Each structure stands twice: as structure tokens, then as C-alpha cells.
Protein backbone atom coordinates (compact mmCIF):
# COMPACT_ATOMS: atom_id res chain seq x y z
CA MET A 1 181.05 68.17 -36.58
CA ARG A 2 182.33 71.69 -36.68
CA ASP A 3 179.62 74.89 -35.94
CA GLY A 4 178.03 75.67 -39.19
CA ALA A 5 178.84 72.51 -40.75
CA VAL A 6 176.46 70.91 -43.28
CA HIS A 7 174.80 68.12 -43.09
CA PRO A 8 175.69 65.49 -45.06
CA GLY A 9 172.11 64.56 -46.01
CA ALA A 10 171.32 68.15 -46.58
CA TRP A 11 174.04 68.26 -49.72
CA TRP A 12 172.46 64.70 -50.99
CA LEU A 13 169.23 66.23 -51.05
CA TRP A 14 170.45 69.51 -52.81
CA ALA A 15 172.80 67.19 -55.55
CA LEU A 16 169.22 65.05 -56.06
CA GLY A 17 166.98 67.98 -56.50
CA LEU A 18 169.28 69.46 -59.09
CA GLY A 19 169.35 65.70 -60.85
CA VAL A 20 165.61 65.82 -60.76
CA ALA A 21 165.46 68.92 -62.32
CA ALA A 22 167.69 67.87 -65.10
CA THR A 23 165.54 65.34 -65.77
CA ARG A 24 162.64 67.60 -66.50
CA THR A 25 164.13 69.37 -69.31
CA THR A 26 166.31 68.55 -72.67
CA ASN A 27 166.88 72.26 -73.31
CA PRO A 28 170.57 72.32 -73.26
CA LEU A 29 171.03 75.79 -72.09
CA LEU A 30 169.35 74.94 -68.91
CA LEU A 31 171.31 71.81 -68.43
CA ALA A 32 174.54 73.97 -68.91
CA LEU A 33 173.34 76.13 -66.76
CA LEU A 34 172.40 73.14 -64.18
CA VAL A 35 175.91 71.77 -64.59
CA ALA A 36 177.58 75.61 -64.08
CA VAL A 37 175.93 75.76 -60.71
CA SER A 38 177.12 72.74 -59.41
CA ALA A 39 180.28 73.55 -60.56
CA TYR A 40 180.51 76.16 -58.70
CA VAL A 41 178.98 75.17 -55.34
CA VAL A 42 181.52 72.45 -55.75
CA THR A 43 184.97 74.64 -56.20
CA ALA A 44 183.59 77.18 -53.26
CA ARG A 45 182.60 74.57 -50.91
CA ARG A 46 184.44 71.43 -51.54
CA PRO A 47 186.20 70.53 -48.49
CA HIS A 48 190.11 69.58 -48.70
CA ALA A 49 189.71 65.54 -48.29
CA PRO A 50 190.90 62.62 -50.73
CA TRP A 51 186.89 61.70 -51.13
CA SER A 52 186.55 65.03 -52.78
CA ARG A 53 188.55 64.50 -55.58
CA SER A 54 185.98 62.33 -57.38
CA TYR A 55 183.90 65.43 -59.24
CA ASP A 56 186.48 65.93 -61.42
CA ALA A 57 186.24 61.63 -62.29
CA PHE A 58 182.41 62.25 -62.70
CA VAL A 59 183.02 65.46 -65.32
CA LYS A 60 184.72 63.36 -67.33
CA LEU A 61 182.49 60.31 -67.50
CA ALA A 62 179.80 62.12 -68.31
CA LEU A 63 181.84 63.81 -71.42
CA ALA A 64 182.75 60.22 -72.16
CA VAL A 65 178.59 59.74 -72.16
CA ILE A 66 178.18 62.24 -74.58
CA ALA A 67 180.93 61.31 -77.04
CA ILE A 68 179.61 57.80 -76.90
CA ARG A 69 176.13 58.80 -77.51
CA LEU A 70 177.20 60.95 -80.32
CA LEU A 71 179.10 58.34 -81.96
CA PHE A 72 176.07 55.78 -81.61
CA THR A 73 174.12 58.49 -83.06
CA VAL A 74 176.52 58.84 -86.30
CA VAL A 75 176.71 55.23 -86.76
CA PHE A 76 173.51 53.87 -85.85
CA GLY A 77 171.07 56.66 -86.25
CA SER A 78 168.42 58.26 -83.59
CA GLY A 79 165.48 56.88 -85.18
CA VAL A 80 164.37 60.68 -85.40
CA PRO A 81 163.48 61.88 -89.09
CA GLY A 82 165.35 64.60 -90.51
CA THR A 83 165.68 66.69 -93.62
CA ARG A 84 169.21 68.42 -92.58
CA VAL A 85 171.86 66.20 -93.96
CA LEU A 86 174.85 66.61 -92.71
CA LEU A 87 177.17 63.93 -94.16
CA THR A 88 176.17 60.67 -95.43
CA LEU A 89 178.47 57.45 -94.49
CA PRO A 90 178.41 54.29 -96.36
CA GLU A 91 175.56 52.17 -95.56
CA VAL A 92 175.83 48.59 -94.40
CA PRO A 93 172.75 46.71 -95.62
CA LEU A 94 171.46 44.13 -92.85
CA PRO A 95 168.95 41.49 -93.04
CA ASP A 96 165.18 41.74 -92.85
CA TRP A 97 165.08 40.54 -89.13
CA ALA A 98 167.17 43.59 -87.82
CA GLN A 99 164.22 45.68 -89.30
CA GLY A 100 164.49 49.06 -87.87
CA ILE A 101 167.86 49.17 -87.32
CA ARG A 102 170.81 51.03 -89.77
CA LEU A 103 174.55 50.92 -90.03
CA GLY A 104 175.42 53.83 -91.49
CA GLY A 105 173.71 56.07 -94.17
CA ALA A 106 172.95 59.86 -93.82
CA VAL A 107 173.47 61.74 -90.25
CA THR A 108 170.67 64.28 -90.13
CA ALA A 109 171.06 67.78 -87.80
CA GLU A 110 167.92 66.48 -85.91
CA GLY A 111 169.12 63.40 -85.05
CA LEU A 112 172.47 64.68 -83.61
CA ALA A 113 170.34 67.48 -81.95
CA TYR A 114 168.05 64.61 -80.52
CA GLY A 115 171.53 62.23 -79.23
CA LEU A 116 173.08 65.73 -77.68
CA TYR A 117 170.37 66.79 -75.65
CA GLN A 118 169.44 63.09 -74.36
CA ALA A 119 173.12 62.46 -73.95
CA MET A 120 173.27 66.14 -71.81
CA LYS A 121 170.50 65.11 -70.08
CA LEU A 122 172.43 61.86 -68.34
CA ALA A 123 175.66 63.78 -68.42
CA ALA A 124 174.14 66.75 -66.03
CA LEU A 125 172.67 63.88 -63.73
CA LEU A 126 175.92 61.79 -63.48
CA ILE A 127 177.63 65.47 -62.34
CA CYS A 128 175.15 66.40 -59.85
CA VAL A 129 175.82 62.85 -58.39
CA GLY A 130 179.72 63.56 -58.77
CA ALA A 131 178.96 66.94 -56.65
CA ALA A 132 177.37 65.35 -53.71
CA ASN A 133 180.15 62.70 -53.75
CA ALA A 134 182.37 65.85 -53.28
CA LEU A 135 180.93 67.54 -50.85
CA ALA A 136 179.33 64.97 -48.69
CA ASN A 137 181.60 63.32 -45.93
CA PRO A 138 180.82 59.62 -46.65
CA SER A 139 181.68 58.76 -42.56
CA ARG A 140 179.30 61.21 -41.17
CA LEU A 141 176.60 60.24 -43.62
CA LEU A 142 176.59 56.66 -42.19
CA LYS A 143 176.31 58.12 -39.20
CA ALA A 144 172.43 59.78 -40.49
CA VAL A 145 171.71 56.51 -41.93
CA PRO A 146 168.68 54.88 -39.73
CA GLY A 147 169.41 52.16 -37.68
CA ALA A 148 166.96 49.84 -39.36
CA LEU A 149 168.87 50.32 -42.61
CA TYR A 150 172.72 50.34 -41.12
CA GLU A 151 173.83 47.14 -42.96
CA THR A 152 172.29 48.69 -46.00
CA GLY A 153 173.98 52.09 -45.43
CA VAL A 154 177.26 50.74 -44.79
CA ALA A 155 177.38 48.84 -48.15
CA VAL A 156 176.40 51.88 -50.42
CA VAL A 157 178.85 54.22 -48.11
CA VAL A 158 181.73 51.93 -48.95
CA ALA A 159 180.42 51.33 -52.52
CA LEU A 160 180.41 55.68 -53.13
CA THR A 161 183.99 56.15 -51.38
CA PHE A 162 185.29 53.42 -53.71
CA ALA A 163 185.53 56.08 -56.42
CA PRO A 164 187.39 58.36 -54.28
CA HIS A 165 189.77 56.01 -53.21
CA LEU A 166 190.53 54.89 -55.94
CA ILE A 167 190.97 57.84 -58.19
CA ALA A 168 193.90 59.10 -54.74
CA ASP A 169 195.65 55.92 -55.56
CA VAL A 170 196.19 56.41 -59.13
CA ARG A 171 197.55 60.14 -58.50
CA ARG A 172 199.42 58.99 -55.84
CA LEU A 173 201.03 55.97 -58.08
CA ARG A 174 201.21 58.09 -61.40
CA ALA A 175 203.28 61.07 -59.42
CA ALA A 176 205.48 57.95 -57.74
CA ARG A 177 206.12 56.79 -61.26
CA ARG A 178 206.95 60.43 -62.68
CA LEU A 179 209.49 61.12 -59.64
CA ARG A 180 211.24 58.16 -60.30
CA GLY A 181 211.28 58.96 -64.56
CA ARG A 182 209.13 56.04 -65.60
CA PRO A 183 206.20 56.26 -67.67
CA ASP A 184 202.73 56.77 -66.27
CA LYS A 185 200.63 57.40 -69.29
CA GLY A 186 199.77 54.81 -71.85
CA VAL A 187 198.17 51.26 -72.05
CA ARG A 188 202.23 50.22 -70.14
CA GLY A 189 201.54 52.98 -67.68
CA LEU A 190 197.73 52.00 -66.64
CA LEU A 191 198.78 48.24 -66.62
CA GLN A 192 201.96 48.72 -63.97
CA VAL A 193 199.81 51.28 -62.39
CA GLY A 194 196.64 49.02 -62.02
CA LEU A 195 197.94 46.13 -60.08
CA PRO A 196 199.25 48.21 -56.62
CA VAL A 197 195.91 49.85 -57.28
CA LEU A 198 193.78 46.68 -56.84
CA GLU A 199 196.36 45.63 -54.24
CA GLY A 200 195.33 48.88 -52.38
CA ALA A 201 191.59 47.97 -52.47
CA LEU A 202 192.19 44.55 -51.67
CA GLU A 203 193.95 45.56 -48.16
CA ARG A 204 191.59 48.44 -47.76
CA SER A 205 188.59 45.55 -48.24
CA VAL A 206 190.48 43.39 -45.31
CA ALA A 207 191.11 46.33 -43.02
CA LEU A 208 187.85 47.33 -42.85
CA ALA A 209 186.10 44.00 -42.61
CA ALA A 210 188.57 43.19 -39.59
CA ALA A 211 187.46 46.64 -37.81
CA MET A 212 183.68 45.67 -38.61
CA ASP A 213 183.98 42.61 -37.04
CA ALA A 214 185.71 44.18 -33.78
CA ARG A 215 183.15 46.69 -33.45
CA GLY A 216 180.21 43.77 -33.46
CA TYR A 217 178.93 44.95 -36.91
CA GLY A 218 175.93 42.85 -37.68
CA ARG A 219 174.87 42.31 -34.11
CA THR A 220 171.09 42.70 -33.87
CA ALA A 221 168.84 42.88 -30.51
CA LEU A 222 165.91 40.12 -29.97
CA VAL A 223 162.79 41.77 -30.40
CA PRO A 224 159.26 40.24 -30.28
CA ALA A 225 158.12 38.56 -33.42
CA ALA A 226 154.75 40.72 -33.46
CA VAL A 227 157.04 43.85 -33.56
CA ARG A 228 158.99 42.35 -36.66
CA ARG A 229 155.92 41.68 -38.46
CA THR A 230 154.26 45.34 -38.16
CA THR A 231 157.91 46.79 -39.02
CA ALA A 232 157.56 44.36 -42.33
CA ALA A 233 154.23 45.62 -42.99
CA LEU A 234 154.92 48.76 -42.27
CA THR A 235 157.83 49.17 -44.30
CA LEU A 236 156.58 47.10 -46.99
CA GLY A 237 153.34 49.18 -47.33
CA GLY A 238 154.85 52.26 -46.99
CA LEU A 239 157.15 51.91 -50.20
CA LEU A 240 154.41 50.58 -52.26
CA GLY A 241 152.49 53.46 -51.16
CA VAL A 242 155.23 55.72 -52.34
CA CYS A 243 155.42 54.07 -55.47
CA ALA A 244 151.88 54.49 -55.98
CA GLY A 245 152.12 57.79 -55.01
CA THR A 246 154.71 58.79 -56.94
CA TYR A 247 153.39 57.57 -60.27
CA GLY A 248 150.08 59.50 -59.33
CA THR A 249 151.44 63.06 -59.15
CA LEU A 250 153.27 62.21 -62.36
CA THR A 251 149.93 61.75 -64.28
CA ALA A 252 147.38 63.63 -65.02
CA GLU A 253 144.81 60.59 -64.18
CA GLY A 254 146.30 60.17 -60.28
CA GLY A 255 146.16 63.94 -59.74
CA THR A 256 143.63 63.06 -56.98
CA TYR A 257 145.06 60.29 -55.36
CA GLY A 258 148.45 60.87 -55.90
CA MET A 259 149.78 63.49 -53.00
CA PRO A 260 147.42 61.92 -50.31
CA VAL A 261 148.97 58.20 -51.15
CA LEU A 262 152.73 59.42 -51.52
CA LEU A 263 152.38 61.11 -47.81
CA ALA A 264 150.81 58.21 -46.39
CA GLY A 265 152.98 55.62 -48.04
CA LEU A 266 155.92 58.01 -46.15
CA ALA A 267 154.65 58.13 -42.91
CA ALA A 268 154.02 54.03 -42.90
CA ALA A 269 157.49 53.75 -44.40
CA LEU A 270 158.88 56.06 -41.66
CA ALA A 271 156.85 54.48 -38.67
CA GLY A 272 158.22 51.05 -39.73
CA LEU A 273 162.07 52.52 -40.22
CA ARG A 274 161.27 53.33 -36.61
CA LEU A 275 160.66 50.27 -35.31
CA GLY A 276 162.96 48.38 -37.12
CA GLY A 277 165.48 50.52 -35.74
CA ARG A 278 165.08 48.56 -32.60
CA ARG A 279 167.12 45.83 -33.98
CA SER A 280 170.25 47.63 -34.61
CA LEU A 281 172.43 48.00 -31.32
CA ARG A 282 173.99 50.89 -32.20
CA THR A 283 175.25 54.47 -30.81
CA ARG A 284 175.83 57.93 -32.42
CA TYR A 285 179.06 60.26 -31.17
CA ARG A 286 178.08 63.54 -31.55
CA PRO A 287 175.25 63.26 -34.01
CA ASP A 288 174.87 65.39 -36.86
CA ARG A 289 172.34 68.04 -36.49
CA TRP A 290 170.01 69.68 -39.01
CA THR A 291 170.60 73.56 -38.84
CA ALA A 292 169.32 76.08 -40.58
CA ARG A 293 171.91 76.13 -43.17
CA SER A 294 171.74 72.51 -43.58
CA VAL A 295 167.78 73.12 -44.44
CA LEU A 296 168.50 75.87 -46.81
CA VAL A 297 170.87 73.78 -48.66
CA ALA A 298 168.63 71.30 -49.30
CA VAL A 299 165.28 73.38 -49.65
CA SER A 300 167.27 75.23 -52.50
CA GLY A 301 167.68 71.91 -54.68
CA ALA A 302 164.02 70.79 -53.91
CA ALA A 303 162.83 73.99 -54.72
CA ALA A 304 165.16 74.15 -57.96
CA ALA A 305 163.20 70.26 -59.28
CA ALA A 306 160.00 71.94 -58.05
CA LEU A 307 159.61 74.93 -59.97
CA LEU A 308 161.35 72.90 -62.95
CA ALA A 309 158.44 70.14 -62.76
CA LEU A 310 156.25 73.47 -62.50
CA ALA A 311 157.36 74.99 -65.15
CA GLY A 312 157.41 71.74 -67.40
CA ALA A 313 153.63 71.69 -67.19
CA ARG A 314 152.91 74.86 -67.96
CA ASP A 315 155.35 75.40 -70.74
CA PRO A 316 156.95 71.92 -72.05
CA ALA A 317 157.89 73.44 -75.23
CA ALA A 318 160.66 75.77 -73.61
CA LEU A 319 161.76 72.80 -71.36
CA ASN A 320 162.32 70.52 -74.38
CA PRO A 321 163.05 72.40 -77.50
CA SER A 322 161.69 70.92 -80.59
CA VAL A 323 164.24 68.50 -83.12
CA VAL A 324 161.90 67.73 -85.53
CA PRO A 325 161.38 70.66 -86.45
CA PHE A 326 164.65 71.75 -85.35
CA SER A 327 164.64 75.02 -84.13
CA ALA A 328 166.93 76.76 -81.80
CA PRO A 329 166.48 76.37 -77.96
CA GLY A 330 166.32 79.30 -75.93
CA LEU A 331 166.97 80.02 -72.35
CA PRO A 332 163.60 80.49 -70.56
CA LEU A 333 163.70 82.90 -68.09
CA TRP A 334 161.94 81.94 -64.72
CA PRO A 335 163.16 78.15 -65.24
CA ALA A 336 166.65 79.64 -65.82
CA ALA A 337 165.97 81.30 -62.06
CA ALA A 338 164.83 78.51 -60.60
CA VAL A 339 168.14 76.56 -61.72
CA LEU A 340 169.93 79.80 -60.05
CA LEU A 341 168.74 78.99 -56.37
CA GLY A 342 170.96 76.06 -56.59
CA LEU A 343 173.63 78.67 -55.97
CA LEU A 344 172.37 79.19 -52.56
CA PRO A 345 174.65 76.66 -50.70
CA ALA A 346 177.81 78.57 -51.83
CA PHE A 347 176.61 81.43 -50.11
CA VAL A 348 175.03 79.98 -46.79
CA THR A 349 177.50 77.67 -46.06
CA PRO A 350 180.84 78.42 -44.32
CA ALA A 351 184.07 77.83 -46.60
CA PRO A 352 186.04 74.84 -46.07
CA ASP A 353 189.25 74.77 -44.19
CA ARG A 354 192.87 75.29 -45.71
CA PRO A 355 194.96 72.66 -45.16
CA ALA A 356 197.95 73.74 -43.07
CA SER A 357 200.74 74.63 -45.11
CA SER A 358 204.85 73.43 -44.10
CA GLU A 359 205.59 76.64 -43.02
CA GLU A 360 202.50 76.84 -40.84
CA ALA A 361 203.15 73.44 -39.64
CA SER A 362 206.72 74.17 -38.70
């Protein structure tokens, strides 16, 4: 880890904070601002590595989610009553057992607005996850996983790196086909590119399995039975406490017990993970440190999520504009300022190293 580099967990906490903020609102202006903030930070601080190119794929997936949701709203309706009819499609009569479902019929502005708002919320969440994939080094993230969760962390990191490697393989193969004068678009090009991509994925899987076996993956230490039972009790109890505390903090009835139960559950889960780490025989070479920059990155995302949650409790109409009756959404000022806190990593973190050009290399 070079001096000034940001801890990969900080990037994930920043992105998850923006994602939580996206779940607290259906205001399309705030959601668009969240997407713009994540895109600016990714553009300014994305490293030059193959795994960092997955952000574009997540953006395309988010656009596909919006298009599919609007298509379903037009064809099947949204269940939202509306008076502003935009167009009327031929309606297919359905049997009595399909009550509540329609196929075709009137398409209203209120229904389209509701479908668009919900689709934009999911799209913003996907783009925030894509930002974390593009900024956090997966191999460094694996080094920061606690020993008790090492096997789970390996599975998660391998799954997260699948998309970047797949995208890099597709780009490489399409460029090679263009150089040979062969088609790289359409169904035919997709089919001829798909087999080499699958072959490359299988080769990486075999190489990864051999490397993990050579490094003694899965080897555990012998610990007393009492320690194992204590670890299981603390971890399970802590996770249950986290779930109960989170539910309490999100509901009005649990305002008195939610936060204490959440903190107690976190403490118990961390203690269980600490004890469980004794079974994992692993060492860390140059472990990543939480520097002041890493803390600022994580805090900026958490602050945006907390302020959006507070704004939703105080003025829910500003964060969730009405669709029945339909009203044009406005941009609330201090929730928008809270979202702009997510830009902090673009100014407090170092710029990525530029790849050496061919002239410099020579």
C-alpha cells in the first residue's frame, strides 16, 4: 500500500453510505445528484486497472433496469390510480382468478412517474455498488477481512472480481476480432466471443483453485470446544441483536431500545469474530492502515446517509414527492448539500498513478 492510499473498506463504506441515502428518497433530482456525485468521484479517483472498468457495466445495467421497469409499467400497469391518461393500449381480458392484474389499458402520467421513481432508486443503488467495485482493490479488500470470515471473504471477493474480468475479456476479444476484420457486434459476434470468454473464466478458476491449494487454503487451527461454543454464541447473538436494533431504529415504536440493542449486538458480533479468528492460520503482508484520508472517505458516505435519513423523518414530502396527485419534484437544499458531502473523496484522496506510456517505458 503506497503512502496516502485509501483503505478499500473505506471506499465500500462510502459507496454503501450513498446507497443507503438512495434508499431513503424517491426524489428523481436527489437520485440524479447521487449518481452524479458517484460518477465524479469514480472519474477522478478510479485507478488504471482492469478491475476498475466495471463501472460502465453497472451504469448500463442501471439504465436497463429503468427501461424494463417503465416497460412493465406501460404493459402491466403500476397499481397507482391516475387521471392524466397519456395513451390507451388495447387491453387483453384476463380470467377472474387474475384480479388486480391488467394487460394493456390506459397508461397514466401518475403510474409512469411512480414506476420511474422506483426504478431510479434501484438504479442509483446499483451505480453506487459499481462505484465501490471500480475504486476498491479486491485483493487488498480480502487482506482486510477478519480471520473468522476469511473463507466467506474469499468467495465474496472472487464473485466481485468476476464482472471486471469478464468485461476485460470481452473488450480484448472484440478488439482482436476487429483487427482481424471479423464482426464483433450482433448475435453472431456475441456467440463467437462467448466461448473464449467462458474458456478464460474456467482457466482462471482452475488457476485460482491450484493457487489456493498450494497456499494451504482452508487450514484451521485446533481450539478448545468452549472457545468454539462461545464464538458461535457471541456471533449469532450479536447478529440477532444487530437485526433487532436496526429494526428498532427504523420504527417509531423501537426508538427507546433500538440504538442500545444495536450497539450491544455490534459489540458481541465483533467479539465473536475476534475469537473466531483464532481458527484461521493466516498472516498479513503489509496490512492496510486506516489513515485520516480513509476515515474521511468513510465518514463522508455515512454522513450523507445519516442526513438523508434525518431529512426523511423531518420532511418526508421533500424526499418522496407525491404522484397522486402528481406534482413536479423540487430540489430540497440541505438534503442536496448532504448528498454533495459524497464529493469529499475526490478532494482528500490522491490521484491515481498514470500508466507509463510506451515512450516513457523505452
